[in-house]
Amino acid sequence: IKAVERGRMVFDNLNKFVRFVIIELVAYVITFLGASILNIAAGQPFTPSQILYINFFVNAPLGIALGMDKEASGLMQRWPRPRTASIMTPGLLITSGLVGLYMAVTTLLLIQYGTTDRGGFPVGSSMGVTAFSLMIVIAAYQARSVTTGALRMETFDNPRLNWTVVVEVVLAVLITQLELMRRIFDTVAIGMPEWALSLAAGILQQAVEPA
């Protein structure tokens, strides 16, 4: 029984990680595709250093925290899955696609707004990478379940993930407020209004919940 329980936990955590990765991949693809088609940021919404920042400093730590998540409640009450069942379920694809689409559209809107109304492309790019990073944080919580929303107490019962999120939020601030990080990741200082818009993008992402 214990072996079955551990096996189910590993498979469930694998599902969470796959959901999280698909969300980011969909967001990446649509963001770059949309930027190219609509000529936003000359088709280059993120610089190479910003892409590395998102992948190694945001995505990787959150993915590890999800992969080492605790056992989900009611795991042993589920019916055994068929051997032929695919990990790419319709619910996983629909949820990941919707969240990724929201992230991409919001990022492009912020980049365009910052470029045209808030001081030029450097400001827009800084707003975009900040918002994208914060939305990945929200996506990590959403990836913990494909059937329930993220706004519930059980969402925050993973201390490792919670501490990782705290670090990611601090980094999201420092990437535009610390001179050294601005030079490394091609960002500029943004004010409270711009940062608030980036934060609002992550908060509004809660509206894109699993059905």
N, C-alpha and C. Protein backbone atom coordinates (compact mmCIF):
# COMPACT_ATOMS: atom_id res chain seq x y z
N ILE A 1 0.84 -1.20 0.00
CA ILE A 1 0.00 0.00 0.00
C ILE A 1 0.87 1.25 0.00
N LYS A 2 1.93 1.22 0.82
CA LYS A 2 2.83 2.37 0.89
C LYS A 2 3.52 2.60 -0.45
N ALA A 3 3.89 1.52 -1.13
CA ALA A 3 4.54 1.65 -2.44
C ALA A 3 3.60 2.26 -3.46
N VAL A 4 2.33 1.84 -3.44
CA VAL A 4 1.34 2.42 -4.35
C VAL A 4 1.16 3.91 -4.05
N GLU A 5 1.11 4.24 -2.76
CA GLU A 5 0.95 5.63 -2.36
C GLU A 5 2.11 6.50 -2.87
N ARG A 6 3.34 6.00 -2.69
CA ARG A 6 4.51 6.76 -3.15
C ARG A 6 4.52 6.87 -4.68
N GLY A 7 4.13 5.79 -5.34
CA GLY A 7 4.08 5.83 -6.80
C GLY A 7 3.08 6.84 -7.31
N ARG A 8 1.92 6.89 -6.66
CA ARG A 8 0.92 7.87 -7.06
C ARG A 8 1.41 9.30 -6.81
N MET A 9 2.12 9.50 -5.71
CA MET A 9 2.63 10.84 -5.39
C MET A 9 3.64 11.28 -6.45
N VAL A 10 4.54 10.38 -6.85
CA VAL A 10 5.53 10.71 -7.87
C VAL A 10 4.84 11.05 -9.19
N PHE A 11 3.85 10.25 -9.58
CA PHE A 11 3.13 10.50 -10.83
C PHE A 11 2.36 11.81 -10.76
N ASP A 12 1.75 12.10 -9.62
CA ASP A 12 0.99 13.33 -9.45
C ASP A 12 1.92 14.55 -9.54
N ASN A 13 3.09 14.47 -8.91
CA ASN A 13 4.04 15.57 -8.98
C ASN A 13 4.59 15.75 -10.40
N LEU A 14 4.74 14.64 -11.11
CA LEU A 14 5.15 14.73 -12.51
C LEU A 14 4.11 15.48 -13.33
N ASN A 15 2.84 15.21 -13.05
CA ASN A 15 1.75 15.93 -13.72
C ASN A 15 1.83 17.42 -13.45
N LYS A 16 2.09 17.79 -12.20
CA LYS A 16 2.20 19.21 -11.84
C LYS A 16 3.33 19.87 -12.61
N PHE A 17 4.48 19.18 -12.67
CA PHE A 17 5.63 19.74 -13.37
C PHE A 17 5.34 19.90 -14.86
N VAL A 18 4.69 18.90 -15.46
CA VAL A 18 4.37 18.98 -16.89
C VAL A 18 3.41 20.13 -17.15
N ARG A 19 2.38 20.30 -16.31
CA ARG A 19 1.46 21.42 -16.47
C ARG A 19 2.21 22.74 -16.44
N PHE A 20 3.11 22.87 -15.48
CA PHE A 20 3.86 24.10 -15.31
C PHE A 20 4.73 24.39 -16.53
N VAL A 21 5.42 23.38 -17.03
CA VAL A 21 6.30 23.56 -18.18
C VAL A 21 5.49 23.91 -19.43
N ILE A 22 4.36 23.24 -19.64
CA ILE A 22 3.54 23.53 -20.81
C ILE A 22 3.02 24.96 -20.77
N ILE A 23 2.61 25.42 -19.59
CA ILE A 23 2.15 26.81 -19.46
C ILE A 23 3.23 27.77 -19.93
N GLU A 24 4.46 27.55 -19.45
CA GLU A 24 5.55 28.46 -19.83
C GLU A 24 5.85 28.36 -21.32
N LEU A 25 5.86 27.13 -21.87
CA LEU A 25 6.16 26.97 -23.28
C LEU A 25 5.11 27.65 -24.15
N VAL A 26 3.84 27.47 -23.81
CA VAL A 26 2.77 28.13 -24.57
C VAL A 26 2.93 29.64 -24.49
N ALA A 27 3.21 30.15 -23.30
CA ALA A 27 3.40 31.59 -23.13
C ALA A 27 4.57 32.10 -23.95
N TYR A 28 5.68 31.37 -23.93
CA TYR A 28 6.85 31.75 -24.72
C TYR A 28 6.53 31.80 -26.21
N VAL A 29 5.94 30.72 -26.73
CA VAL A 29 5.69 30.62 -28.16
C VAL A 29 4.75 31.72 -28.63
N ILE A 30 3.65 31.92 -27.91
CA ILE A 30 2.68 32.93 -28.33
C ILE A 30 3.26 34.34 -28.17
N THR A 31 4.06 34.55 -27.13
CA THR A 31 4.66 35.88 -26.94
C THR A 31 5.57 36.23 -28.11
N PHE A 32 6.47 35.32 -28.49
CA PHE A 32 7.38 35.62 -29.60
C PHE A 32 6.66 35.64 -30.93
N LEU A 33 5.69 34.74 -31.10
CA LEU A 33 4.92 34.72 -32.35
C LEU A 33 4.10 36.00 -32.49
N GLY A 34 3.43 36.40 -31.40
CA GLY A 34 2.64 37.63 -31.43
C GLY A 34 3.50 38.86 -31.66
N ALA A 35 4.68 38.90 -31.02
CA ALA A 35 5.58 40.04 -31.21
C ALA A 35 6.03 40.14 -32.66
N SER A 36 6.26 39.01 -33.30
CA SER A 36 6.69 39.02 -34.71
C SER A 36 5.56 39.44 -35.64
N ILE A 37 4.37 38.88 -35.42
CA ILE A 37 3.24 39.19 -36.29
C ILE A 37 2.79 40.64 -36.13
N LEU A 38 2.73 41.12 -34.89
CA LEU A 38 2.23 42.47 -34.60
C LEU A 38 3.34 43.52 -34.58
N ASN A 39 4.57 43.09 -34.83
CA ASN A 39 5.73 43.99 -34.83
C ASN A 39 5.87 44.73 -33.50
N ILE A 40 5.75 43.99 -32.43
CA ILE A 40 5.96 44.53 -31.09
C ILE A 40 7.40 44.22 -30.68
N ALA A 41 8.12 45.23 -30.25
CA ALA A 41 9.52 45.08 -29.84
C ALA A 41 10.37 44.48 -30.95
N ALA A 42 10.02 44.79 -32.19
CA ALA A 42 10.74 44.29 -33.36
C ALA A 42 10.82 42.76 -33.35
N GLY A 43 9.78 42.12 -32.80
CA GLY A 43 9.74 40.66 -32.77
C GLY A 43 10.63 40.03 -31.72
N GLN A 44 11.21 40.85 -30.83
CA GLN A 44 12.13 40.34 -29.79
C GLN A 44 11.68 40.86 -28.43
N PRO A 45 10.62 40.27 -27.85
CA PRO A 45 10.08 40.79 -26.59
C PRO A 45 11.04 40.66 -25.42
N PHE A 46 11.89 39.62 -25.42
CA PHE A 46 12.88 39.43 -24.37
C PHE A 46 14.27 39.35 -24.98
N THR A 47 15.25 39.93 -24.29
CA THR A 47 16.63 39.81 -24.74
C THR A 47 17.17 38.44 -24.34
N PRO A 48 18.28 37.98 -24.92
CA PRO A 48 18.85 36.68 -24.53
C PRO A 48 19.11 36.57 -23.03
N SER A 49 19.62 37.64 -22.41
CA SER A 49 19.90 37.57 -20.97
C SER A 49 18.61 37.46 -20.16
N GLN A 50 17.54 38.09 -20.64
CA GLN A 50 16.26 37.99 -19.94
C GLN A 50 15.67 36.59 -20.08
N ILE A 51 15.86 35.97 -21.24
CA ILE A 51 15.39 34.59 -21.43
C ILE A 51 16.13 33.66 -20.47
N LEU A 52 17.42 33.86 -20.33
CA LEU A 52 18.20 33.04 -19.39
C LEU A 52 17.73 33.27 -17.96
N TYR A 53 17.43 34.52 -17.63
CA TYR A 53 16.94 34.83 -16.28
C TYR A 53 15.64 34.09 -16.01
N ILE A 54 14.70 34.15 -16.96
CA ILE A 54 13.41 33.50 -16.76
C ILE A 54 13.58 31.99 -16.62
N ASN A 55 14.42 31.40 -17.46
CA ASN A 55 14.57 29.94 -17.45
C ASN A 55 15.31 29.42 -16.23
N PHE A 56 16.42 30.08 -15.87
CA PHE A 56 17.29 29.54 -14.83
C PHE A 56 17.00 30.09 -13.43
N PHE A 57 16.53 31.32 -13.34
CA PHE A 57 16.31 31.93 -12.04
C PHE A 57 14.84 31.93 -11.61
N VAL A 58 13.94 31.73 -12.54
CA VAL A 58 12.50 31.72 -12.21
C VAL A 58 11.91 30.34 -12.44
N ASN A 59 11.98 29.87 -13.67
CA ASN A 59 11.32 28.61 -14.02
C ASN A 59 11.93 27.40 -13.31
N ALA A 60 13.24 27.29 -13.33
CA ALA A 60 13.90 26.10 -12.77
C ALA A 60 13.64 25.91 -11.27
N PRO A 61 13.84 26.93 -10.42
CA PRO A 61 13.57 26.73 -8.98
C PRO A 61 12.11 26.38 -8.70
N LEU A 62 11.18 27.02 -9.41
CA LEU A 62 9.77 26.72 -9.18
C LEU A 62 9.44 25.31 -9.64
N GLY A 63 10.02 24.88 -10.77
CA GLY A 63 9.79 23.52 -11.25
C GLY A 63 10.30 22.47 -10.29
N ILE A 64 11.46 22.73 -9.69
CA ILE A 64 12.02 21.80 -8.70
C ILE A 64 11.10 21.71 -7.48
N ALA A 65 10.60 22.86 -7.03
CA ALA A 65 9.70 22.87 -5.87
C ALA A 65 8.43 22.10 -6.15
N LEU A 66 7.90 22.20 -7.37
CA LEU A 66 6.71 21.43 -7.73
C LEU A 66 7.01 19.94 -7.81
N GLY A 67 8.16 19.60 -8.36
CA GLY A 67 8.52 18.19 -8.49
C GLY A 67 8.73 17.50 -7.15
N MET A 68 9.01 18.29 -6.10
CA MET A 68 9.20 17.73 -4.76
C MET A 68 8.03 18.08 -3.85
N ASP A 69 6.86 18.25 -4.45
CA ASP A 69 5.66 18.63 -3.70
C ASP A 69 5.21 17.51 -2.77
N LYS A 70 4.42 17.87 -1.78
CA LYS A 70 3.90 16.90 -0.83
C LYS A 70 2.75 16.12 -1.47
N GLU A 71 2.33 15.08 -0.81
CA GLU A 71 1.23 14.24 -1.32
C GLU A 71 -0.07 15.03 -1.35
N ALA A 72 -0.78 14.96 -2.47
CA ALA A 72 -2.07 15.63 -2.60
C ALA A 72 -3.11 14.92 -1.74
N SER A 73 -4.05 15.70 -1.23
CA SER A 73 -5.11 15.11 -0.40
C SER A 73 -6.01 14.22 -1.26
N GLY A 74 -6.45 13.11 -0.70
CA GLY A 74 -7.34 12.19 -1.40
C GLY A 74 -6.67 11.38 -2.48
N LEU A 75 -5.32 11.31 -2.46
CA LEU A 75 -4.59 10.63 -3.52
C LEU A 75 -4.94 9.14 -3.57
N MET A 76 -5.09 8.51 -2.40
CA MET A 76 -5.35 7.07 -2.36
C MET A 76 -6.83 6.74 -2.57
N GLN A 77 -7.69 7.76 -2.62
CA GLN A 77 -9.10 7.53 -2.88
C GLN A 77 -9.42 7.56 -4.38
N ARG A 78 -8.44 7.92 -5.21
CA ARG A 78 -8.69 7.96 -6.64
C ARG A 78 -8.73 6.55 -7.22
N TRP A 79 -9.51 6.40 -8.28
CA TRP A 79 -9.54 5.13 -8.99
C TRP A 79 -8.21 4.93 -9.71
N PRO A 80 -7.75 3.68 -9.82
CA PRO A 80 -6.51 3.44 -10.57
C PRO A 80 -6.67 3.90 -12.01
N ARG A 81 -5.63 4.52 -12.54
CA ARG A 81 -5.68 4.98 -13.93
C ARG A 81 -5.34 3.81 -14.86
N PRO A 82 -5.90 3.80 -16.06
CA PRO A 82 -5.57 2.74 -17.02
C PRO A 82 -4.09 2.82 -17.42
N ARG A 83 -3.52 1.69 -17.76
CA ARG A 83 -2.12 1.68 -18.17
C ARG A 83 -1.88 2.49 -19.43
N THR A 84 -2.91 2.60 -20.26
CA THR A 84 -2.78 3.32 -21.53
C THR A 84 -3.09 4.81 -21.39
N ALA A 85 -3.45 5.26 -20.18
CA ALA A 85 -3.81 6.66 -19.99
C ALA A 85 -2.61 7.56 -20.25
N SER A 86 -2.85 8.64 -20.98
CA SER A 86 -1.79 9.58 -21.31
C SER A 86 -1.67 10.65 -20.23
N ILE A 87 -0.45 11.11 -20.01
CA ILE A 87 -0.24 12.20 -19.06
C ILE A 87 -0.74 13.52 -19.63
N MET A 88 -0.85 13.59 -20.96
CA MET A 88 -1.34 14.80 -21.62
C MET A 88 -2.86 14.73 -21.74
N THR A 89 -3.54 14.95 -20.64
CA THR A 89 -5.00 14.88 -20.61
C THR A 89 -5.62 16.15 -21.19
N PRO A 90 -6.88 16.07 -21.62
CA PRO A 90 -7.54 17.27 -22.15
C PRO A 90 -7.58 18.41 -21.12
N GLY A 91 -7.83 18.08 -19.85
CA GLY A 91 -7.85 19.12 -18.83
C GLY A 91 -6.52 19.82 -18.70
N LEU A 92 -5.43 19.04 -18.75
CA LEU A 92 -4.10 19.63 -18.66
C LEU A 92 -3.83 20.55 -19.84
N LEU A 93 -4.16 20.12 -21.04
CA LEU A 93 -3.88 20.92 -22.23
C LEU A 93 -4.72 22.18 -22.27
N ILE A 94 -6.00 22.07 -21.91
CA ILE A 94 -6.89 23.23 -21.95
C ILE A 94 -6.45 24.27 -20.92
N THR A 95 -6.22 23.83 -19.69
CA THR A 95 -5.82 24.76 -18.64
C THR A 95 -4.49 25.42 -18.95
N SER A 96 -3.50 24.62 -19.34
CA SER A 96 -2.19 25.17 -19.65
C SER A 96 -2.25 26.13 -20.83
N GLY A 97 -3.05 25.77 -21.83
CA GLY A 97 -3.18 26.64 -23.00
C GLY A 97 -3.80 27.98 -22.66
N LEU A 98 -4.85 27.97 -21.86
CA LEU A 98 -5.52 29.22 -21.50
C LEU A 98 -4.62 30.12 -20.67
N VAL A 99 -3.94 29.54 -19.68
CA VAL A 99 -3.06 30.33 -18.84
C VAL A 99 -1.89 30.87 -19.66
N GLY A 100 -1.30 30.03 -20.52
CA GLY A 100 -0.20 30.48 -21.35
C GLY A 100 -0.61 31.59 -22.30
N LEU A 101 -1.82 31.48 -22.87
CA LEU A 101 -2.34 32.52 -23.76
C LEU A 101 -2.51 33.83 -23.01
N TYR A 102 -3.06 33.76 -21.80
CA TYR A 102 -3.23 34.98 -21.00
C TYR A 102 -1.88 35.63 -20.72
N MET A 103 -0.88 34.82 -20.33
CA MET A 103 0.43 35.37 -20.02
C MET A 103 1.04 36.07 -21.23
N ALA A 104 0.91 35.44 -22.40
CA ALA A 104 1.50 36.02 -23.61
C ALA A 104 0.83 37.33 -23.99
N VAL A 105 -0.50 37.34 -24.02
CA VAL A 105 -1.23 38.55 -24.41
C VAL A 105 -0.94 39.69 -23.44
N THR A 106 -0.96 39.39 -22.15
CA THR A 106 -0.70 40.43 -21.14
C THR A 106 0.72 40.97 -21.26
N THR A 107 1.68 40.09 -21.47
CA THR A 107 3.08 40.53 -21.61
C THR A 107 3.24 41.44 -22.81
N LEU A 108 2.65 41.08 -23.94
CA LEU A 108 2.75 41.91 -25.14
C LEU A 108 2.07 43.26 -24.95
N LEU A 109 0.94 43.28 -24.29
CA LEU A 109 0.24 44.54 -24.03
C LEU A 109 1.09 45.46 -23.15
N LEU A 110 1.72 44.90 -22.14
CA LEU A 110 2.55 45.71 -21.25
C LEU A 110 3.79 46.23 -21.97
N ILE A 111 4.41 45.39 -22.79
CA ILE A 111 5.58 45.84 -23.55
C ILE A 111 5.19 46.98 -24.50
N GLN A 112 4.08 46.81 -25.19
CA GLN A 112 3.64 47.85 -26.12
C GLN A 112 3.26 49.13 -25.38
N TYR A 113 2.56 49.00 -24.27
CA TYR A 113 2.16 50.17 -23.48
C TYR A 113 3.38 50.90 -22.95
N GLY A 114 4.32 50.16 -22.39
CA GLY A 114 5.53 50.79 -21.87
C GLY A 114 6.33 51.47 -22.95
N THR A 115 6.35 50.87 -24.14
CA THR A 115 7.11 51.43 -25.25
C THR A 115 6.50 52.72 -25.77
N THR A 116 5.18 52.76 -25.88
CA THR A 116 4.52 53.92 -26.49
C THR A 116 4.13 55.00 -25.50
N ASP A 117 3.87 54.63 -24.24
CA ASP A 117 3.32 55.61 -23.30
C ASP A 117 4.14 55.83 -22.03
N ARG A 118 5.15 55.00 -21.76
CA ARG A 118 5.84 55.10 -20.48
C ARG A 118 7.35 55.35 -20.60
N GLY A 119 7.82 55.67 -21.81
CA GLY A 119 9.24 56.04 -21.89
C GLY A 119 10.07 55.26 -22.88
N GLY A 120 9.47 54.43 -23.71
CA GLY A 120 10.23 53.74 -24.73
C GLY A 120 10.37 52.24 -24.49
N PHE A 121 11.04 51.57 -25.44
CA PHE A 121 11.16 50.12 -25.38
C PHE A 121 11.86 49.61 -24.12
N PRO A 122 12.94 50.25 -23.62
CA PRO A 122 13.58 49.73 -22.40
C PRO A 122 12.60 49.62 -21.23
N VAL A 123 11.69 50.61 -21.10
CA VAL A 123 10.69 50.54 -20.04
C VAL A 123 9.69 49.42 -20.32
N GLY A 124 9.24 49.34 -21.57
CA GLY A 124 8.29 48.28 -21.93
C GLY A 124 8.87 46.90 -21.72
N SER A 125 10.13 46.72 -22.12
CA SER A 125 10.78 45.42 -21.94
C SER A 125 10.93 45.08 -20.46
N SER A 126 11.26 46.07 -19.65
CA SER A 126 11.41 45.84 -18.21
C SER A 126 10.08 45.47 -17.57
N MET A 127 9.01 46.14 -18.00
CA MET A 127 7.68 45.79 -17.51
C MET A 127 7.29 44.38 -17.95
N GLY A 128 7.63 44.04 -19.19
CA GLY A 128 7.27 42.73 -19.71
C GLY A 128 7.95 41.60 -18.97
N VAL A 129 9.26 41.72 -18.75
CA VAL A 129 9.97 40.63 -18.08
C VAL A 129 9.57 40.53 -16.61
N THR A 130 9.27 41.67 -15.99
CA THR A 130 8.80 41.65 -14.60
C THR A 130 7.45 40.95 -14.50
N ALA A 131 6.52 41.34 -15.36
CA ALA A 131 5.18 40.74 -15.34
C ALA A 131 5.25 39.26 -15.68
N PHE A 132 6.04 38.89 -16.68
CA PHE A 132 6.16 37.49 -17.08
C PHE A 132 6.68 36.64 -15.93
N SER A 133 7.67 37.17 -15.20
CA SER A 133 8.23 36.44 -14.06
C SER A 133 7.19 36.24 -12.97
N LEU A 134 6.42 37.29 -12.67
CA LEU A 134 5.40 37.20 -11.63
C LEU A 134 4.27 36.25 -12.05
N MET A 135 3.94 36.25 -13.33
CA MET A 135 2.88 35.36 -13.79
C MET A 135 3.34 33.90 -13.75
N ILE A 136 4.63 33.64 -13.95
CA ILE A 136 5.14 32.28 -13.80
C ILE A 136 4.98 31.82 -12.35
N VAL A 137 5.19 32.74 -11.42
CA VAL A 137 4.99 32.41 -10.00
C VAL A 137 3.55 31.97 -9.75
N ILE A 138 2.60 32.73 -10.28
CA ILE A 138 1.19 32.36 -10.13
C ILE A 138 0.90 31.04 -10.83
N ALA A 139 1.51 30.84 -11.99
CA ALA A 139 1.30 29.60 -12.74
C ALA A 139 1.77 28.38 -11.95
N ALA A 140 2.82 28.55 -11.15
CA ALA A 140 3.31 27.43 -10.34
C ALA A 140 2.24 26.99 -9.35
N TYR A 141 1.55 27.94 -8.74
CA TYR A 141 0.46 27.58 -7.82
C TYR A 141 -0.72 26.98 -8.58
N GLN A 142 -1.03 27.54 -9.75
CA GLN A 142 -2.14 26.99 -10.53
C GLN A 142 -1.85 25.58 -11.03
N ALA A 143 -0.57 25.28 -11.27
CA ALA A 143 -0.20 23.96 -11.79
C ALA A 143 -0.37 22.86 -10.75
N ARG A 144 -0.56 23.22 -9.49
CA ARG A 144 -0.69 22.19 -8.45
C ARG A 144 -1.99 21.41 -8.57
N SER A 145 -2.96 21.95 -9.33
CA SER A 145 -4.22 21.22 -9.51
C SER A 145 -4.82 21.57 -10.85
N VAL A 146 -5.40 20.59 -11.52
CA VAL A 146 -6.06 20.82 -12.80
C VAL A 146 -7.58 20.87 -12.64
N THR A 147 -8.07 20.63 -11.44
CA THR A 147 -9.52 20.58 -11.22
C THR A 147 -10.02 21.64 -10.25
N THR A 148 -9.13 22.27 -9.47
CA THR A 148 -9.55 23.27 -8.51
C THR A 148 -8.73 24.54 -8.68
N GLY A 149 -9.27 25.67 -8.23
CA GLY A 149 -8.59 26.94 -8.35
C GLY A 149 -7.45 27.08 -7.36
N ALA A 150 -6.63 28.12 -7.59
CA ALA A 150 -5.46 28.33 -6.75
C ALA A 150 -5.80 29.08 -5.46
N LEU A 151 -6.95 29.74 -5.42
CA LEU A 151 -7.30 30.53 -4.25
C LEU A 151 -7.97 29.66 -3.19
N ARG A 152 -7.19 28.82 -2.55
CA ARG A 152 -7.65 27.98 -1.45
C ARG A 152 -6.46 27.70 -0.54
N MET A 153 -6.72 27.36 0.71
CA MET A 153 -5.66 27.21 1.70
C MET A 153 -4.67 26.11 1.32
N GLU A 154 -5.18 25.02 0.70
CA GLU A 154 -4.31 23.90 0.36
C GLU A 154 -3.24 24.29 -0.66
N THR A 155 -3.49 25.37 -1.41
CA THR A 155 -2.52 25.79 -2.41
C THR A 155 -1.19 26.19 -1.79
N PHE A 156 -1.23 26.66 -0.55
CA PHE A 156 -0.04 27.22 0.09
C PHE A 156 0.52 26.31 1.18
N ASP A 157 0.27 24.99 1.07
CA ASP A 157 0.77 24.07 2.09
C ASP A 157 2.10 23.42 1.71
N ASN A 158 2.78 23.99 0.72
CA ASN A 158 4.10 23.51 0.32
C ASN A 158 5.14 24.56 0.73
N PRO A 159 5.77 24.41 1.91
CA PRO A 159 6.73 25.43 2.38
C PRO A 159 7.87 25.68 1.41
N ARG A 160 8.37 24.63 0.76
CA ARG A 160 9.48 24.80 -0.18
C ARG A 160 9.06 25.72 -1.33
N LEU A 161 7.86 25.51 -1.86
CA LEU A 161 7.36 26.36 -2.93
C LEU A 161 7.12 27.78 -2.44
N ASN A 162 6.57 27.92 -1.25
CA ASN A 162 6.29 29.25 -0.71
C ASN A 162 7.57 30.08 -0.56
N TRP A 163 8.63 29.47 -0.03
CA TRP A 163 9.89 30.19 0.14
C TRP A 163 10.53 30.51 -1.21
N THR A 164 10.38 29.61 -2.16
CA THR A 164 10.88 29.88 -3.51
C THR A 164 10.17 31.07 -4.13
N VAL A 165 8.86 31.15 -3.90
CA VAL A 165 8.07 32.26 -4.42
C VAL A 165 8.52 33.58 -3.78
N VAL A 166 8.81 33.57 -2.51
CA VAL A 166 9.29 34.79 -1.84
C VAL A 166 10.57 35.28 -2.51
N VAL A 167 11.49 34.36 -2.76
CA VAL A 167 12.74 34.72 -3.43
C VAL A 167 12.48 35.27 -4.82
N GLU A 168 11.54 34.65 -5.55
CA GLU A 168 11.25 35.09 -6.92
C GLU A 168 10.64 36.49 -6.94
N VAL A 169 9.79 36.80 -5.99
CA VAL A 169 9.20 38.14 -5.92
C VAL A 169 10.29 39.18 -5.63
N VAL A 170 11.20 38.85 -4.73
CA VAL A 170 12.31 39.77 -4.44
C VAL A 170 13.16 39.98 -5.69
N LEU A 171 13.45 38.91 -6.42
CA LEU A 171 14.22 39.03 -7.65
C LEU A 171 13.50 39.88 -8.69
N ALA A 172 12.16 39.73 -8.75
CA ALA A 172 11.38 40.50 -9.71
C ALA A 172 11.48 42.00 -9.43
N VAL A 173 11.67 42.36 -8.17
CA VAL A 173 11.88 43.76 -7.81
C VAL A 173 13.31 44.19 -8.14
N LEU A 174 14.27 43.36 -7.75
CA LEU A 174 15.68 43.72 -7.91
C LEU A 174 16.11 43.81 -9.37
N ILE A 175 15.46 43.06 -10.25
CA ILE A 175 15.89 43.04 -11.64
C ILE A 175 15.75 44.42 -12.30
N THR A 176 14.89 45.26 -11.75
CA THR A 176 14.76 46.62 -12.30
C THR A 176 15.22 47.70 -11.33
N GLN A 177 15.48 47.35 -10.08
CA GLN A 177 15.84 48.36 -9.09
C GLN A 177 17.30 48.31 -8.67
N LEU A 178 17.99 47.22 -8.98
CA LEU A 178 19.39 47.09 -8.61
C LEU A 178 20.26 47.30 -9.85
N GLU A 179 21.19 48.22 -9.75
CA GLU A 179 22.00 48.61 -10.92
C GLU A 179 22.73 47.42 -11.54
N LEU A 180 23.33 46.57 -10.71
CA LEU A 180 24.06 45.43 -11.23
C LEU A 180 23.16 44.52 -12.04
N MET A 181 21.97 44.23 -11.54
CA MET A 181 21.05 43.34 -12.25
C MET A 181 20.50 44.02 -13.50
N ARG A 182 20.35 45.33 -13.47
CA ARG A 182 19.91 46.04 -14.67
C ARG A 182 20.93 45.90 -15.79
N ARG A 183 22.20 45.99 -15.45
CA ARG A 183 23.24 45.85 -16.48
C ARG A 183 23.30 44.42 -17.02
N ILE A 184 23.12 43.44 -16.14
CA ILE A 184 23.21 42.04 -16.57
C ILE A 184 22.02 41.64 -17.43
N PHE A 185 20.82 42.07 -17.05
CA PHE A 185 19.61 41.58 -17.70
C PHE A 185 18.92 42.62 -18.59
N ASP A 186 19.64 43.66 -18.97
CA ASP A 186 19.15 44.63 -19.97
C ASP A 186 17.82 45.26 -19.58
N THR A 187 17.68 45.66 -18.33
CA THR A 187 16.47 46.32 -17.87
C THR A 187 16.79 47.76 -17.45
N VAL A 188 15.76 48.51 -17.17
CA VAL A 188 15.91 49.87 -16.65
C VAL A 188 15.04 50.01 -15.42
N ALA A 189 15.29 51.05 -14.66
CA ALA A 189 14.48 51.29 -13.47
C ALA A 189 13.06 51.68 -13.88
N ILE A 190 12.09 51.06 -13.23
CA ILE A 190 10.68 51.42 -13.48
C ILE A 190 10.08 51.91 -12.17
N GLY A 191 9.10 52.80 -12.31
CA GLY A 191 8.48 53.39 -11.13
C GLY A 191 7.37 52.52 -10.56
N MET A 192 6.77 53.02 -9.51
CA MET A 192 5.69 52.28 -8.86
C MET A 192 4.50 52.03 -9.78
N PRO A 193 4.07 52.99 -10.61
CA PRO A 193 2.93 52.71 -11.51
C PRO A 193 3.22 51.55 -12.46
N GLU A 194 4.43 51.53 -13.04
CA GLU A 194 4.79 50.45 -13.97
C GLU A 194 4.88 49.11 -13.25
N TRP A 195 5.46 49.15 -12.06
CA TRP A 195 5.58 47.90 -11.31
C TRP A 195 4.21 47.40 -10.85
N ALA A 196 3.33 48.32 -10.51
CA ALA A 196 1.98 47.94 -10.09
C ALA A 196 1.22 47.27 -11.23
N LEU A 197 1.41 47.77 -12.45
CA LEU A 197 0.76 47.14 -13.60
C LEU A 197 1.29 45.73 -13.83
N SER A 198 2.59 45.55 -13.65
CA SER A 198 3.18 44.22 -13.79
C SER A 198 2.64 43.26 -12.73
N LEU A 199 2.50 43.76 -11.51
CA LEU A 199 1.95 42.94 -10.43
C LEU A 199 0.49 42.62 -10.67
N ALA A 200 -0.26 43.60 -11.19
CA ALA A 200 -1.68 43.38 -11.48
C ALA A 200 -1.89 42.28 -12.50
N ALA A 201 -0.94 42.15 -13.44
CA ALA A 201 -1.05 41.09 -14.45
C ALA A 201 -1.06 39.72 -13.80
N GLY A 202 -0.21 39.54 -12.77
CA GLY A 202 -0.18 38.27 -12.06
C GLY A 202 -1.42 38.05 -11.22
N ILE A 203 -1.90 39.10 -10.58
CA ILE A 203 -3.09 38.97 -9.75
C ILE A 203 -4.31 38.61 -10.60
N LEU A 204 -4.45 39.27 -11.74
CA LEU A 204 -5.59 39.00 -12.62
C LEU A 204 -5.53 37.62 -13.24
N GLN A 205 -4.36 37.02 -13.23
CA GLN A 205 -4.22 35.67 -13.79
C GLN A 205 -5.06 34.66 -13.01
N GLN A 206 -5.41 35.00 -11.78
CA GLN A 206 -6.25 34.11 -10.99
C GLN A 206 -7.61 33.88 -11.64
N ALA A 207 -8.00 34.81 -12.54
CA ALA A 207 -9.29 34.64 -13.21
C ALA A 207 -9.24 33.50 -14.23
N VAL A 208 -8.04 33.14 -14.67
CA VAL A 208 -7.89 32.04 -15.63
C VAL A 208 -7.68 30.77 -14.83
N GLU A 209 -8.76 30.17 -14.37
CA GLU A 209 -8.70 29.01 -13.48
C GLU A 209 -9.17 27.76 -14.19
N PRO A 210 -8.76 26.61 -13.70
CA PRO A 210 -9.27 25.35 -14.27
C PRO A 210 -10.77 25.27 -14.15
N ALA A 211 -11.39 24.64 -15.15
CA ALA A 211 -12.84 24.47 -15.12
C ALA A 211 -13.22 23.36 -14.16
